[in-house]
């Protein structure tokens, strides 16, 4: 049976990665660097992998890792929103 502190470690890692995702999203808005933008896109992928591992390993208790979803998925949501808006009408 897995220890409870290992779930706590997964949740803490997920929240730190989610905060890093959000910070990279904010920085990519100001720093027009492709490296910052790439960094902002790769962190949510790493966060999703960590969430998948936590949910697979801890089942229902692993859902606590999803608390960081709003922070981690801000940039992918914004990109998807822009793609849909450009598909429907003129892009800005």
Protein backbone atom coordinates (compact mmCIF):
# COMPACT_ATOMS: atom_id res chain seq x y z
CA UNK A 1 0.00 0.00 0.00
CA UNK A 2 1.45 3.41 -0.97
CA UNK A 3 2.39 5.84 1.76
CA UNK A 4 0.32 8.99 2.23
CA UNK A 5 3.34 11.28 2.10
CA UNK A 6 4.05 10.13 -1.45
CA UNK A 7 0.63 11.42 -2.50
CA UNK A 8 1.43 14.67 -0.71
CA UNK A 9 4.68 14.86 -2.67
CA UNK A 10 2.79 14.39 -5.96
CA UNK A 11 0.30 17.12 -5.04
CA UNK A 12 3.07 19.52 -4.05
CA UNK A 13 4.99 18.81 -7.27
CA UNK A 14 1.84 19.31 -9.34
CA UNK A 15 1.07 22.63 -7.67
CA UNK A 16 4.64 23.87 -8.16
CA UNK A 17 4.57 22.85 -11.82
CA UNK A 18 1.16 24.51 -12.22
CA UNK A 19 2.53 27.73 -10.75
CA UNK A 20 5.53 27.50 -13.07
CA UNK A 21 3.15 27.02 -16.01
CA UNK A 22 1.23 30.12 -15.08
CA UNK A 23 4.42 32.12 -14.54
CA UNK A 24 5.71 30.99 -17.94
CA UNK A 25 2.37 32.00 -19.48
CA UNK A 26 2.64 35.48 -17.96
CA UNK A 27 6.29 35.79 -19.02
CA UNK A 28 5.52 34.65 -22.57
CA UNK A 29 3.07 37.54 -22.86
CA UNK A 30 5.80 40.08 -22.05
CA UNK A 31 8.95 38.43 -23.39
CA UNK A 32 8.41 37.86 -27.10
CA UNK A 33 10.95 35.04 -27.08
CA UNK A 34 10.16 31.70 -28.76
CA UNK A 35 12.12 29.90 -26.03
CA UNK A 36 9.83 31.30 -23.33
CA UNK A 37 6.78 30.36 -25.38
CA UNK A 38 8.11 26.82 -25.91
CA UNK A 39 8.83 26.54 -22.19
CA UNK A 40 5.27 27.69 -21.48
CA UNK A 41 3.91 24.96 -23.77
CA UNK A 42 6.07 22.12 -22.48
CA UNK A 43 5.33 22.62 -18.79
CA UNK A 44 1.60 21.78 -19.11
CA UNK A 45 2.56 18.54 -20.88
CA UNK A 46 4.82 17.64 -17.96
CA UNK A 47 2.00 18.55 -15.55
CA UNK A 48 -0.46 16.32 -17.43
CA UNK A 49 2.00 13.40 -17.28
CA UNK A 50 2.40 13.91 -13.53
CA UNK A 51 -1.39 14.02 -13.11
CA UNK A 52 -1.79 10.82 -15.09
CA UNK A 53 0.81 9.05 -12.97
CA UNK A 54 -0.77 10.27 -9.72
CA UNK A 55 -4.29 9.27 -10.77
CA UNK A 56 -3.12 5.88 -12.00
CA UNK A 57 -1.13 5.19 -8.85
CA UNK A 58 -3.51 6.59 -6.20
CA UNK A 59 -6.90 6.22 -7.97
CA UNK A 60 -9.52 8.55 -6.42
CA UNK A 61 -7.08 10.06 -3.93
CA UNK A 62 -4.91 11.11 -6.89
CA UNK A 63 -7.60 13.51 -8.08
CA UNK A 64 -6.23 16.06 -5.60
CA UNK A 65 -3.51 16.71 -8.16
CA UNK A 66 -6.11 18.35 -10.41
CA UNK A 67 -6.25 21.38 -8.11
CA UNK A 68 -3.55 22.96 -10.25
CA UNK A 69 -5.50 22.59 -13.49
CA UNK A 70 -6.60 26.24 -13.83
CA UNK A 71 -3.04 27.48 -13.48
CA UNK A 72 -1.40 24.79 -15.59
CA UNK A 73 -3.87 24.88 -18.45
CA UNK A 74 -4.20 28.67 -18.88
CA UNK A 75 -1.91 28.91 -21.92
CA UNK A 76 -3.26 25.85 -23.78
CA UNK A 77 -6.79 27.17 -23.18
CA UNK A 78 -5.83 30.60 -24.52
CA UNK A 79 -4.25 29.10 -27.63
CA UNK A 80 -7.31 26.92 -28.27
CA UNK A 81 -9.58 29.93 -27.74
CA UNK A 82 -7.58 31.96 -30.29
CA UNK A 83 -7.63 29.12 -32.83
CA UNK A 84 -11.41 28.79 -32.58
CA UNK A 85 -11.86 32.57 -32.83
CA UNK A 86 -9.64 32.73 -35.92
CA UNK A 87 -11.53 29.86 -37.52
CA UNK A 88 -14.89 31.54 -37.02
CA UNK A 89 -13.96 35.04 -38.13
CA UNK A 90 -11.16 37.54 -38.66
CA UNK A 91 -8.13 37.11 -36.41
CA UNK A 92 -6.78 39.95 -34.34
